[in-house]
C-alpha atoms as a PDB file:
ATOM      1  CA  UNK A   1      21.995 -73.766-129.021  1.00  0.00           C
ATOM      2  CA  UNK A   2      18.670 -75.498-129.655  1.00  0.00           C
ATOM      3  CA  UNK A   3      15.726 -73.281-130.560  1.00  0.00           C
ATOM      4  CA  UNK A   4      13.638 -72.366-127.491  1.00  0.00           C
ATOM      5  CA  UNK A   5      16.467 -72.994-125.017  1.00  0.00           C
ATOM      6  CA  UNK A   6      17.736 -69.994-123.087  1.00  0.00           C
ATOM      7  CA  UNK A   7      20.668 -69.717-120.741  1.00  0.00           C
ATOM      8  CA  UNK A   8      19.924 -68.331-117.265  1.00  0.00           C
ATOM      9  CA  UNK A   9      20.408 -64.593-117.062  1.00  0.00           C
ATOM     10  CA  UNK A  10      23.780 -63.841-115.526  1.00  0.00           C
ATOM     11  CA  UNK A  11      23.841 -62.268-112.093  1.00  0.00           C
ATOM     12  CA  UNK A  12      26.415 -59.571-111.506  1.00  0.00           C
ATOM     13  CA  UNK A  13      28.745 -60.219-108.580  1.00  0.00           C
ATOM     14  CA  UNK A  14      27.499 -58.455-105.488  1.00  0.00           C
ATOM     15  CA  UNK A  15      24.087 -57.753-107.040  1.00  0.00           C
ATOM     16  CA  UNK A  16      21.622 -58.417-104.204  1.00  0.00           C
ATOM     17  CA  UNK A  17      18.227 -59.854-105.010  1.00  0.00           C
ATOM     18  CA  UNK A  18      15.264 -58.738-102.865  1.00  0.00           C
ATOM     19  CA  UNK A  19      13.993 -61.572-100.656  1.00  0.00           C
ATOM     20  CA  UNK A  20      10.461 -60.761-101.731  1.00  0.00           C
ATOM     21  CA  UNK A  21      11.344 -62.102-105.169  1.00  0.00           C
ATOM     22  CA  UNK A  22      12.900 -65.353-103.940  1.00  0.00           C
ATOM     23  CA  UNK A  23      11.050 -68.487-102.859  1.00  0.00           C
ATOM     24  CA  UNK A  24      12.970 -69.507 -99.764  1.00  0.00           C
ATOM     25  CA  UNK A  25      11.580 -73.037-100.136  1.00  0.00           C
ATOM     26  CA  UNK A  26      14.163 -73.381-102.889  1.00  0.00           C
ATOM     27  CA  UNK A  27      16.844 -73.500-100.183  1.00  0.00           C
ATOM     28  CA  UNK A  28      15.472 -76.824 -98.961  1.00  0.00           C
ATOM     29  CA  UNK A  29      15.345 -78.200-102.510  1.00  0.00           C
ATOM     30  CA  UNK A  30      18.858 -76.918-103.219  1.00  0.00           C
ATOM     31  CA  UNK A  31      20.176 -78.560-100.055  1.00  0.00           C
ATOM     32  CA  UNK A  32      18.655 -81.917-101.047  1.00  0.00           C
ATOM     33  CA  UNK A  33      19.894 -81.671-104.637  1.00  0.00           C
ATOM     34  CA  UNK A  34      23.445 -80.826-103.582  1.00  0.00           C
ATOM     35  CA  UNK A  35      23.480 -83.621-101.023  1.00  0.00           C
ATOM     36  CA  UNK A  36      22.008 -86.285-103.321  1.00  0.00           C
ATOM     37  CA  UNK A  37      23.343 -85.020-106.706  1.00  0.00           C
ATOM     38  CA  UNK A  38      20.344 -86.711-108.248  1.00  0.00           C
ATOM     39  CA  UNK A  39      16.891 -85.372-109.047  1.00  0.00           C
ATOM     40  CA  UNK A  40      15.191 -88.700-108.292  1.00  0.00           C
ATOM     41  CA  UNK A  41      17.031 -89.172-104.969  1.00  0.00           C
ATOM     42  CA  UNK A  42      16.349 -85.556-103.980  1.00  0.00           C
ATOM     43  CA  UNK A  43      12.660 -86.055-104.844  1.00  0.00           C
ATOM     44  CA  UNK A  44      12.456 -89.044-102.481  1.00  0.00           C
ATOM     45  CA  UNK A  45      14.173 -87.039 -99.727  1.00  0.00           C
ATOM     46  CA  UNK A  46      11.791 -84.105-100.219  1.00  0.00           C
ATOM     47  CA  UNK A  47       8.702 -86.340-100.599  1.00  0.00           C
ATOM     48  CA  UNK A  48       8.034 -84.747-104.004  1.00  0.00           C
ATOM     49  CA  UNK A  49       7.597 -86.107-107.498  1.00  0.00           C
ATOM     50  CA  UNK A  50      10.543 -86.098-109.858  1.00  0.00           C
ATOM     51  CA  UNK A  51       8.889 -83.544-112.190  1.00  0.00           C
ATOM     52  CA  UNK A  52       8.294 -81.192-109.235  1.00  0.00           C
ATOM     53  CA  UNK A  53      11.905 -81.559-108.113  1.00  0.00           C
ATOM     54  CA  UNK A  54      13.128 -81.020-111.664  1.00  0.00           C
ATOM     55  CA  UNK A  55      11.074 -77.833-111.871  1.00  0.00           C
ATOM     56  CA  UNK A  56      12.584 -76.688-108.568  1.00  0.00           C
ATOM     57  CA  UNK A  57      16.065 -77.251-110.004  1.00  0.00           C
ATOM     58  CA  UNK A  58      15.101 -75.136-112.997  1.00  0.00           C
ATOM     59  CA  UNK A  59      13.953 -72.316-110.749  1.00  0.00           C
ATOM     60  CA  UNK A  60      17.162 -72.573-108.729  1.00  0.00           C
ATOM     61  CA  UNK A  61      19.186 -72.279-111.931  1.00  0.00           C
ATOM     62  CA  UNK A  62      17.254 -69.193-113.020  1.00  0.00           C
ATOM     63  CA  UNK A  63      17.541 -67.581-109.580  1.00  0.00           C
ATOM     64  CA  UNK A  64      21.264 -68.224-109.092  1.00  0.00           C
ATOM     65  CA  UNK A  65      22.320 -67.810-112.688  1.00  0.00           C
ATOM     66  CA  UNK A  66      24.255 -71.088-112.402  1.00  0.00           C
ATOM     67  CA  UNK A  67      23.542 -74.631-113.642  1.00  0.00           C
ATOM     68  CA  UNK A  68      24.213 -76.008-110.094  1.00  0.00           C
ATOM     69  CA  UNK A  69      24.098 -79.643-111.304  1.00  0.00           C
ATOM     70  CA  UNK A  70      25.242 -80.738-114.745  1.00  0.00           C
ATOM     71  CA  UNK A  71      24.529 -84.160-116.238  1.00  0.00           C
ATOM     72  CA  UNK A  72      27.587 -86.246-117.108  1.00  0.00           C
ATOM     73  CA  UNK A  73      26.542 -89.595-118.543  1.00  0.00           C
ATOM     74  CA  UNK A  74      24.188 -91.201-116.007  1.00  0.00           C
ATOM     75  CA  UNK A  75      25.209 -88.937-113.132  1.00  0.00           C
ATOM     76  CA  UNK A  76      25.015 -85.280-112.209  1.00  0.00           C
ATOM     77  CA  UNK A  77      28.000 -83.317-110.983  1.00  0.00           C
ATOM     78  CA  UNK A  78      27.991 -80.007-109.110  1.00  0.00           C
ATOM     79  CA  UNK A  79      29.357 -76.864-110.634  1.00  0.00           C
ATOM     80  CA  UNK A  80      32.158 -74.946-108.883  1.00  0.00           C
ATOM     81  CA  UNK A  81      29.546 -72.458-107.628  1.00  0.00           C
ATOM     82  CA  UNK A  82      27.486 -75.330-106.207  1.00  0.00           C
ATOM     83  CA  UNK A  83      30.496 -76.701-104.349  1.00  0.00           C
ATOM     84  CA  UNK A  84      31.250 -73.228-103.035  1.00  0.00           C
ATOM     85  CA  UNK A  85      27.803 -72.688-101.498  1.00  0.00           C
ATOM     86  CA  UNK A  86      26.929 -76.277-100.442  1.00  0.00           C
ATOM     87  CA  UNK A  87      28.102 -75.982 -96.822  1.00  0.00           C
ATOM     88  CA  UNK A  88      26.453 -72.583 -96.386  1.00  0.00           C
ATOM     89  CA  UNK A  89      23.146 -73.830 -97.830  1.00  0.00           C
ATOM     90  CA  UNK A  90      23.166 -76.848 -95.513  1.00  0.00           C
ATOM     91  CA  UNK A  91      23.875 -74.608 -92.521  1.00  0.00           C
ATOM     92  CA  UNK A  92      21.077 -72.183 -93.460  1.00  0.00           C
ATOM     93  CA  UNK A  93      18.539 -74.999 -93.771  1.00  0.00           C
ATOM     94  CA  UNK A  94      19.625 -76.528 -90.448  1.00  0.00           C
ATOM     95  CA  UNK A  95      19.370 -73.176 -88.680  1.00  0.00           C
ATOM     96  CA  UNK A  96      15.968 -72.437 -90.206  1.00  0.00           C
ATOM     97  CA  UNK A  97      14.661 -75.814 -89.049  1.00  0.00           C
ATOM     98  CA  UNK A  98      15.930 -75.052 -85.559  1.00  0.00           C
ATOM     99  CA  UNK A  99      14.324 -71.609 -85.644  1.00  0.00           C
ATOM    100  CA  UNK A 100      10.878 -72.982 -86.430  1.00  0.00           C
ATOM    101  CA  UNK A 101      11.106 -76.090 -84.247  1.00  0.00           C
ATOM    102  CA  UNK A 102       9.182 -76.086 -80.941  1.00  0.00           C
ATOM    103  CA  UNK A 103      11.308 -74.759 -78.096  1.00  0.00           C
ATOM    104  CA  UNK A 104      12.365 -77.558 -75.780  1.00  0.00           C
ATOM    105  CA  UNK A 105      13.050 -77.145 -72.097  1.00  0.00           C
ATOM    106  CA  UNK A 106      16.745 -77.229 -71.252  1.00  0.00           C
ATOM    107  CA  UNK A 107      17.933 -79.304 -68.333  1.00  0.00           C
ATOM    108  CA  UNK A 108      16.939 -77.196 -65.280  1.00  0.00           C
ATOM    109  CA  UNK A 109      20.333 -77.968 -63.760  1.00  0.00           C
ATOM    110  CA  UNK A 110      21.885 -76.020 -66.673  1.00  0.00           C
ATOM    111  CA  UNK A 111      19.337 -73.190 -66.665  1.00  0.00           C
ATOM    112  CA  UNK A 112      21.001 -69.856 -65.869  1.00  0.00           C
ATOM    113  CA  UNK A 113      18.290 -67.199 -65.801  1.00  0.00           C
ATOM    114  CA  UNK A 114      16.781 -64.481 -63.630  1.00  0.00           C
ATOM    115  CA  UNK A 115      12.988 -64.260 -63.286  1.00  0.00           C
ATOM    116  CA  UNK A 116      11.236 -61.167 -61.928  1.00  0.00           C
ATOM    117  CA  UNK A 117       8.008 -61.784 -60.006  1.00  0.00           C
ATOM    118  CA  UNK A 118       5.599 -59.122 -58.740  1.00  0.00           C
ATOM    119  CA  UNK A 119       3.940 -59.905 -55.428  1.00  0.00           C
ATOM    120  CA  UNK A 120       2.929 -58.573 -52.034  1.00  0.00           C
ATOM    121  CA  UNK A 121       5.386 -59.127 -49.216  1.00  0.00           C
ATOM    122  CA  UNK A 122       2.885 -61.350 -47.375  1.00  0.00           C
ATOM    123  CA  UNK A 123       2.595 -63.707 -50.328  1.00  0.00           C
ATOM    124  CA  UNK A 124       6.362 -63.699 -50.852  1.00  0.00           C
ATOM    125  CA  UNK A 125       6.818 -64.776 -47.231  1.00  0.00           C
ATOM    126  CA  UNK A 126       4.163 -67.484 -47.666  1.00  0.00           C
ATOM    127  CA  UNK A 127       5.432 -69.156 -50.855  1.00  0.00           C
ATOM    128  CA  UNK A 128       8.990 -67.876 -51.314  1.00  0.00           C
ATOM    129  CA  UNK A 129      10.783 -70.365 -49.021  1.00  0.00           C
ATOM    130  CA  UNK A 130       9.095 -73.390 -50.635  1.00  0.00           C
ATOM    131  CA  UNK A 131       9.790 -72.075 -54.145  1.00  0.00           C
ATOM    132  CA  UNK A 132      13.459 -71.374 -53.413  1.00  0.00           C
ATOM    133  CA  UNK A 133      13.933 -74.780 -51.788  1.00  0.00           C
ATOM    134  CA  UNK A 134      12.629 -76.462 -54.942  1.00  0.00           C
ATOM    135  CA  UNK A 135      14.809 -74.333 -57.214  1.00  0.00           C
ATOM    136  CA  UNK A 136      17.923 -74.877 -55.118  1.00  0.00           C
ATOM    137  CA  UNK A 137      17.588 -78.608 -55.728  1.00  0.00           C
ATOM    138  CA  UNK A 138      16.420 -78.594 -59.340  1.00  0.00           C
ATOM    139  CA  UNK A 139      17.873 -75.406 -60.852  1.00  0.00           C
ATOM    140  CA  UNK A 140      20.523 -73.881 -58.580  1.00  0.00           C
ATOM    141  CA  UNK A 141      21.592 -71.229 -61.128  1.00  0.00           C
ATOM    142  CA  UNK A 142      18.077 -69.745 -61.412  1.00  0.00           C
ATOM    143  CA  UNK A 143      17.625 -66.443 -59.569  1.00  0.00           C
ATOM    144  CA  UNK A 144      14.310 -64.954 -58.440  1.00  0.00           C
ATOM    145  CA  UNK A 145      13.827 -61.202 -58.124  1.00  0.00           C
ATOM    146  CA  UNK A 146      10.689 -60.336 -56.146  1.00  0.00           C
ATOM    147  CA  UNK A 147       9.358 -56.817 -56.658  1.00  0.00           C
ATOM    148  CA  UNK A 148       6.387 -54.980 -55.099  1.00  0.00           C
ATOM    149  CA  UNK A 149       3.097 -54.986 -56.935  1.00  0.00           C
ATOM    150  CA  UNK A 150       2.960 -52.208 -59.540  1.00  0.00           C
ATOM    151  CA  UNK A 151       1.216 -48.869 -59.278  1.00  0.00           C
ATOM    152  CA  UNK A 152      -1.927 -48.322 -61.397  1.00  0.00           C
ATOM    153  CA  UNK A 153       0.016 -46.327 -64.001  1.00  0.00           C
ATOM    154  CA  UNK A 154       2.607 -49.073 -64.542  1.00  0.00           C
ATOM    155  CA  UNK A 155       2.224 -52.408 -66.304  1.00  0.00           C
ATOM    156  CA  UNK A 156       5.507 -54.350 -65.939  1.00  0.00           C
ATOM    157  CA  UNK A 157       4.087 -57.533 -67.495  1.00  0.00           C
ATOM    158  CA  UNK A 158       3.259 -55.668 -70.675  1.00  0.00           C
ATOM    159  CA  UNK A 159       6.518 -53.705 -70.912  1.00  0.00           C
ATOM    160  CA  UNK A 160       8.647 -56.776 -70.102  1.00  0.00           C
ATOM    161  CA  UNK A 161      10.226 -55.560 -66.858  1.00  0.00           C
ATOM    162  CA  UNK A 162       8.536 -58.418 -64.986  1.00  0.00           C
ATOM    163  CA  UNK A 163       7.959 -62.047 -65.960  1.00  0.00           C
ATOM    164  CA  UNK A 164       5.068 -62.952 -63.664  1.00  0.00           C
ATOM    165  CA  UNK A 165       2.706 -61.547 -61.076  1.00  0.00           C
ATOM    166  CA  UNK A 166       1.108 -63.504 -58.247  1.00  0.00           C
ATOM    167  CA  UNK A 167      -1.660 -62.433 -55.908  1.00  0.00           C
ATOM    168  CA  UNK A 168      -4.661 -60.233 -56.620  1.00  0.00           C
ATOM    169  CA  UNK A 169      -4.097 -59.146 -60.220  1.00  0.00           C
ATOM    170  CA  UNK A 170      -5.199 -55.709 -61.324  1.00  0.00           C
ATOM    171  CA  UNK A 171      -3.345 -55.291 -64.609  1.00  0.00           C
ATOM    172  CA  UNK A 172      -5.338 -53.204 -67.052  1.00  0.00           C
ATOM    173  CA  UNK A 173      -3.747 -54.726 -70.176  1.00  0.00           C
ATOM    174  CA  UNK A 174      -6.477 -56.820 -71.881  1.00  0.00           C
ATOM    175  CA  UNK A 175      -4.060 -59.377 -73.316  1.00  0.00           C
ATOM    176  CA  UNK A 176      -2.567 -60.410 -69.953  1.00  0.00           C
ATOM    177  CA  UNK A 177      -3.119 -64.087 -69.126  1.00  0.00           C
ATOM    178  CA  UNK A 178      -4.663 -64.444 -65.658  1.00  0.00           C
ATOM    179  CA  UNK A 179      -5.084 -67.872 -64.064  1.00  0.00           C
ATOM    180  CA  UNK A 180      -6.918 -67.996 -60.734  1.00  0.00           C
ATOM    181  CA  UNK A 181      -5.340 -70.604 -58.475  1.00  0.00           C
ATOM    182  CA  UNK A 182      -7.693 -70.319 -55.517  1.00  0.00           C
ATOM    183  CA  UNK A 183      -8.914 -67.996 -52.801  1.00  0.00           C
ATOM    184  CA  UNK A 184      -8.017 -67.277 -49.195  1.00  0.00           C
ATOM    185  CA  UNK A 185     -10.180 -65.873 -46.414  1.00  0.00           C
ATOM    186  CA  UNK A 186      -9.444 -62.527 -44.806  1.00  0.00           C
ATOM    187  CA  UNK A 187      -9.365 -62.484 -41.005  1.00  0.00           C
ATOM    188  CA  UNK A 188      -9.044 -59.697 -38.446  1.00  0.00           C
ATOM    189  CA  UNK A 189      -5.995 -59.897 -36.187  1.00  0.00           C
ATOM    190  CA  UNK A 190      -4.748 -58.318 -32.966  1.00  0.00           C
ATOM    191  CA  UNK A 191      -1.750 -58.806 -30.696  1.00  0.00           C
ATOM    192  CA  UNK A 192      -1.771 -61.635 -28.187  1.00  0.00           C
ATOM    193  CA  UNK A 193      -3.337 -60.323 -24.975  1.00  0.00           C
ATOM    194  CA  UNK A 194      -5.383 -57.658 -26.724  1.00  0.00           C
ATOM    195  CA  UNK A 195      -8.738 -57.071 -24.953  1.00  0.00           C
ATOM    196  CA  UNK A 196     -10.631 -57.986 -28.134  1.00  0.00           C
ATOM    197  CA  UNK A 197      -8.884 -61.387 -28.261  1.00  0.00           C
ATOM    198  CA  UNK A 198     -10.572 -62.640 -25.095  1.00  0.00           C
ATOM    199  CA  UNK A 199     -13.937 -63.546 -26.612  1.00  0.00           C
ATOM    200  CA  UNK A 200     -16.493 -62.917 -29.333  1.00  0.00           C
ATOM    201  CA  UNK A 201     -16.235 -59.401 -30.724  1.00  0.00           C
ATOM    202  CA  UNK A 202     -19.257 -57.261 -31.518  1.00  0.00           C
ATOM    203  CA  UNK A 203     -19.379 -54.924 -34.491  1.00  0.00           C
ATOM    204  CA  UNK A 204     -19.599 -51.962 -32.120  1.00  0.00           C
ATOM    205  CA  UNK A 205     -16.355 -53.052 -30.436  1.00  0.00           C
ATOM    206  CA  UNK A 206     -14.712 -53.477 -33.815  1.00  0.00           C
ATOM    207  CA  UNK A 207     -15.571 -50.003 -35.115  1.00  0.00           C
ATOM    208  CA  UNK A 208     -14.547 -48.464 -31.776  1.00  0.00           C
ATOM    209  CA  UNK A 209     -11.015 -49.864 -32.208  1.00  0.00           C
ATOM    210  CA  UNK A 210      -8.278 -48.208 -34.261  1.00  0.00           C
ATOM    211  CA  UNK A 211      -7.120 -50.000 -37.418  1.00  0.00           C
ATOM    212  CA  UNK A 212      -4.014 -50.282 -39.589  1.00  0.00           C
ATOM    213  CA  UNK A 213      -4.234 -50.940 -43.338  1.00  0.00           C
ATOM    214  CA  UNK A 214      -1.480 -52.429 -45.473  1.00  0.00           C
ATOM    215  CA  UNK A 215      -1.777 -50.783 -48.894  1.00  0.00           C
ATOM    216  CA  UNK A 216       1.025 -50.101 -51.344  1.00  0.00           C
ATOM    217  CA  UNK A 217      -1.116 -47.258 -52.720  1.00  0.00           C
ATOM    218  CA  UNK A 218      -1.780 -45.693 -49.337  1.00  0.00           C
ATOM    219  CA  UNK A 219      -5.482 -46.444 -49.348  1.00  0.00           C
ATOM    220  CA  UNK A 220      -7.415 -46.149 -46.087  1.00  0.00           C
ATOM    221  CA  UNK A 221     -10.430 -48.088 -47.347  1.00  0.00           C
ATOM    222  CA  UNK A 222     -10.811 -51.773 -48.192  1.00  0.00           C
ATOM    223  CA  UNK A 223     -13.290 -54.685 -48.314  1.00  0.00           C
ATOM    224  CA  UNK A 224     -13.866 -54.512 -44.533  1.00  0.00           C
ATOM    225  CA  UNK A 225     -15.201 -50.974 -44.911  1.00  0.00           C
ATOM    226  CA  UNK A 226     -17.685 -52.142 -47.532  1.00  0.00           C
ATOM    227  CA  UNK A 227     -18.859 -54.953 -45.240  1.00  0.00           C
ATOM    228  CA  UNK A 228     -19.276 -52.517 -42.337  1.00  0.00           C
ATOM    229  CA  UNK A 229     -21.035 -49.949 -44.527  1.00  0.00           C
ATOM    230  CA  UNK A 230     -23.641 -52.584 -45.374  1.00  0.00           C
ATOM    231  CA  UNK A 231     -24.346 -52.676 -41.619  1.00  0.00           C
ATOM    232  CA  UNK A 232     -24.493 -48.882 -41.422  1.00  0.00           C
ATOM    233  CA  UNK A 233     -21.143 -48.737 -39.615  1.00  0.00           C
ATOM    234  CA  UNK A 234     -17.752 -47.085 -40.178  1.00  0.00           C
ATOM    235  CA  UNK A 235     -14.389 -47.939 -38.609  1.00  0.00           C
ATOM    236  CA  UNK A 236     -11.456 -45.666 -37.757  1.00  0.00           C
ATOM    237  CA  UNK A 237      -8.311 -46.279 -39.785  1.00  0.00           C
ATOM    238  CA  UNK A 238      -5.442 -44.697 -37.887  1.00  0.00           C
ATOM    239  CA  UNK A 239      -2.638 -45.493 -40.339  1.00  0.00           C
ATOM    240  CA  UNK A 240      -1.965 -46.914 -43.813  1.00  0.00           C
ATOM    241  CA  UNK A 241       1.433 -48.489 -44.498  1.00  0.00           C
ATOM    242  CA  UNK A 242       2.844 -49.759 -47.820  1.00  0.00           C
ATOM    243  CA  UNK A 243       3.785 -53.214 -46.500  1.00  0.00           C
ATOM    244  CA  UNK A 244       1.647 -55.993 -45.044  1.00  0.00           C
ATOM    245  CA  UNK A 245       4.604 -57.128 -42.955  1.00  0.00           C
ATOM    246  CA  UNK A 246       4.940 -53.654 -41.435  1.00  0.00           C
ATOM    247  CA  UNK A 247       1.207 -53.685 -40.709  1.00  0.00           C
ATOM    248  CA  UNK A 248       1.582 -56.998 -38.838  1.00  0.00           C
ATOM    249  CA  UNK A 249       4.509 -55.635 -36.839  1.00  0.00           C
ATOM    250  CA  UNK A 250       2.508 -52.574 -35.844  1.00  0.00           C
ATOM    251  CA  UNK A 251      -0.419 -54.772 -34.779  1.00  0.00           C
ATOM    252  CA  UNK A 252       1.941 -56.913 -32.671  1.00  0.00           C
ATOM    253  CA  UNK A 253       3.286 -53.846 -30.859  1.00  0.00           C
ATOM    254  CA  UNK A 254       0.069 -51.886 -30.304  1.00  0.00           C
ATOM    255  CA  UNK A 255      -3.695 -52.117 -29.841  1.00  0.00           C
ATOM    256  CA  UNK A 256      -4.283 -51.666 -33.585  1.00  0.00           C
ATOM    257  CA  UNK A 257      -6.498 -54.114 -35.483  1.00  0.00           C
ATOM    258  CA  UNK A 258      -5.270 -55.457 -38.815  1.00  0.00           C
ATOM    259  CA  UNK A 259      -6.289 -57.850 -41.589  1.00  0.00           C
ATOM    260  CA  UNK A 260      -4.427 -60.900 -42.903  1.00  0.00           C
ATOM    261  CA  UNK A 261      -5.106 -63.912 -45.159  1.00  0.00           C
ATOM    262  CA  UNK A 262      -6.164 -66.931 -43.112  1.00  0.00           C
ATOM    263  CA  UNK A 263      -3.886 -69.517 -44.771  1.00  0.00           C
ATOM    264  CA  UNK A 264      -1.193 -67.571 -46.570  1.00  0.00           C
ATOM    265  CA  UNK A 265      -0.570 -65.442 -43.496  1.00  0.00           C
ATOM    266  CA  UNK A 266      -0.215 -68.306 -41.033  1.00  0.00           C
ATOM    267  CA  UNK A 267       3.581 -68.377 -40.747  1.00  0.00           C
ATOM    268  CA  UNK A 268       3.883 -64.581 -40.610  1.00  0.00           C
ATOM    269  CA  UNK A 269       1.249 -64.302 -37.864  1.00  0.00           C
ATOM    270  CA  UNK A 270       2.800 -67.078 -35.822  1.00  0.00           C
ATOM    271  CA  UNK A 271       6.218 -65.401 -36.060  1.00  0.00           C
ATOM    272  CA  UNK A 272       5.002 -62.191 -34.406  1.00  0.00           C
ATOM    273  CA  UNK A 273       2.461 -63.797 -32.063  1.00  0.00           C
ATOM    274  CA  UNK A 274      -0.914 -62.506 -33.279  1.00  0.00           C
ATOM    275  CA  UNK A 275      -4.439 -63.722 -32.624  1.00  0.00           C
ATOM    276  CA  UNK A 276      -7.498 -63.960 -34.871  1.00  0.00           C
ATOM    277  CA  UNK A 277     -10.631 -62.168 -33.742  1.00  0.00           C
ATOM    278  CA  UNK A 278     -13.806 -64.168 -33.193  1.00  0.00           C
ATOM    279  CA  UNK A 279     -16.196 -61.993 -35.200  1.00  0.00           C
ATOM    280  CA  UNK A 280     -19.440 -62.831 -36.964  1.00  0.00           C
ATOM    281  CA  UNK A 281     -18.724 -60.819 -40.107  1.00  0.00           C
ATOM    282  CA  UNK A 282     -18.014 -62.392 -43.489  1.00  0.00           C
ATOM    283  CA  UNK A 283     -15.295 -60.663 -45.486  1.00  0.00           C
ATOM    284  CA  UNK A 284     -14.902 -61.081 -49.273  1.00  0.00           C
ATOM    285  CA  UNK A 285     -12.462 -63.876 -50.189  1.00  0.00           C
ATOM    286  CA  UNK A 286      -9.021 -62.925 -51.483  1.00  0.00           C
ATOM    287  CA  UNK A 287      -8.420 -64.236 -55.042  1.00  0.00           C
ATOM    288  CA  UNK A 288      -4.905 -65.562 -55.614  1.00  0.00           C
ATOM    289  CA  UNK A 289      -3.920 -65.634 -59.281  1.00  0.00           C
ATOM    290  CA  UNK A 290      -0.952 -66.101 -61.571  1.00  0.00           C
ATOM    291  CA  UNK A 291      -0.490 -63.638 -64.452  1.00  0.00           C
ATOM    292  CA  UNK A 292       1.910 -63.294 -67.373  1.00  0.00           C
ATOM    293  CA  UNK A 293       2.120 -61.720 -70.815  1.00  0.00           C
ATOM    294  CA  UNK A 294       1.269 -63.971 -73.798  1.00  0.00           C
ATOM    295  CA  UNK A 295       4.731 -63.353 -75.279  1.00  0.00           C
ATOM    296  CA  UNK A 296       5.917 -65.915 -72.708  1.00  0.00           C
ATOM    297  CA  UNK A 297       3.250 -68.551 -73.441  1.00  0.00           C
ATOM    298  CA  UNK A 298       5.602 -70.852 -75.345  1.00  0.00           C
ATOM    299  CA  UNK A 299       8.838 -70.032 -73.522  1.00  0.00           C
ATOM    300  CA  UNK A 300       9.840 -73.371 -71.974  1.00  0.00           C
ATOM    301  CA  UNK A 301      11.698 -72.024 -68.890  1.00  0.00           C
ATOM    302  CA  UNK A 302       8.811 -69.630 -68.230  1.00  0.00           C
ATOM    303  CA  UNK A 303       6.311 -72.518 -68.436  1.00  0.00           C
ATOM    304  CA  UNK A 304       8.531 -74.514 -66.091  1.00  0.00           C
ATOM    305  CA  UNK A 305       8.534 -71.718 -63.491  1.00  0.00           C
ATOM    306  CA  UNK A 306       4.758 -71.251 -63.821  1.00  0.00           C
ATOM    307  CA  UNK A 307       4.322 -74.932 -62.985  1.00  0.00           C
ATOM    308  CA  UNK A 308       6.378 -74.536 -59.815  1.00  0.00           C
ATOM    309  CA  UNK A 309       4.502 -71.396 -58.790  1.00  0.00           C
ATOM    310  CA  UNK A 310       1.141 -73.102 -59.283  1.00  0.00           C
ATOM    311  CA  UNK A 311       2.310 -75.943 -57.086  1.00  0.00           C
ATOM    312  CA  UNK A 312       3.691 -73.863 -54.205  1.00  0.00           C
ATOM    313  CA  UNK A 313       0.689 -71.514 -54.176  1.00  0.00           C
ATOM    314  CA  UNK A 314      -1.953 -74.248 -54.257  1.00  0.00           C
ATOM    315  CA  UNK A 315      -0.014 -76.118 -51.559  1.00  0.00           C
ATOM    316  CA  UNK A 316      -0.011 -72.996 -49.370  1.00  0.00           C
ATOM    317  CA  UNK A 317      -3.729 -72.416 -49.990  1.00  0.00           C
ATOM    318  CA  UNK A 318      -4.539 -75.995 -48.973  1.00  0.00           C
ATOM    319  CA  UNK A 319      -2.603 -75.733 -45.711  1.00  0.00           C
ATOM    320  CA  UNK A 320      -4.187 -75.471 -42.248  1.00  0.00           C
ATOM    321  CA  UNK A 321      -5.911 -72.147 -41.535  1.00  0.00           C
ATOM    322  CA  UNK A 322      -4.986 -69.718 -38.785  1.00  0.00           C
ATOM    323  CA  UNK A 323      -7.120 -70.235 -35.708  1.00  0.00           C
ATOM    324  CA  UNK A 324      -7.788 -68.055 -32.694  1.00  0.00           C
ATOM    325  CA  UNK A 325      -5.033 -69.779 -30.708  1.00  0.00           C
ATOM    326  CA  UNK A 326      -2.188 -68.482 -32.920  1.00  0.00           C
END
């Protein structure tokens, strides 16, 4: 052996090397060297210089304890160990490239996935039919699970039990992405034929009536109470129910006064025959937003569904408002 030349240290069979001591970039160089069986050709494939590729081969030899490629005349031939691992190395490199490649959107027609969306029942009724019609045509195997809005102590977007939330977002997690899509106006509603539906309503008439509140948390107070308090007035809330749809049904079957969104509630109000009160009292607008956890930012199917939800919600918000003749 020539002075200064040392054979690679042998590696005992089954002796694992810690990954922290291995440059995984050598896998790419090894794949190119085994495929090309030439340092110069591998260098061109890797966009490296020949000296850099030659140094990589030296490091591979020291790491594996095998010569990998041996010069025979003007060519290089693989060792038995190189032939043994060539297919596995190529597969590892291909899989690693796929792992780090941007995620592409599969054909929606082949997408088989269930998405869980948090929303109020009123908003589900307003946008659900349009959303499901679109999905039935484009992605028939996609399923949507609508769930009620969470309680204050729960955060389904953060813990992964829900994919999206639509409506008025009150998640306390600071990292949640919230995108406001628009606002809707709140209007006061009564049954058709209610005495208050016959003409302009005064504030005194309004506070003398009995009210129903739709609140999943059982709250008796809302934005209307704040608006009345600014006028020195207080209404009587007779009942709080956990569903906006139940609140509408109770309004339709009694003399109770309720509240609904002007545009998003149009179809629901028309279905049960309710009328909008003519009242000179401005209520705070209802923000309608889309929220998700940042873990889903780059997920292609999730982005695809967010696009559809934006479209159906903005379409619903741009529709004709409820008027007093409903």
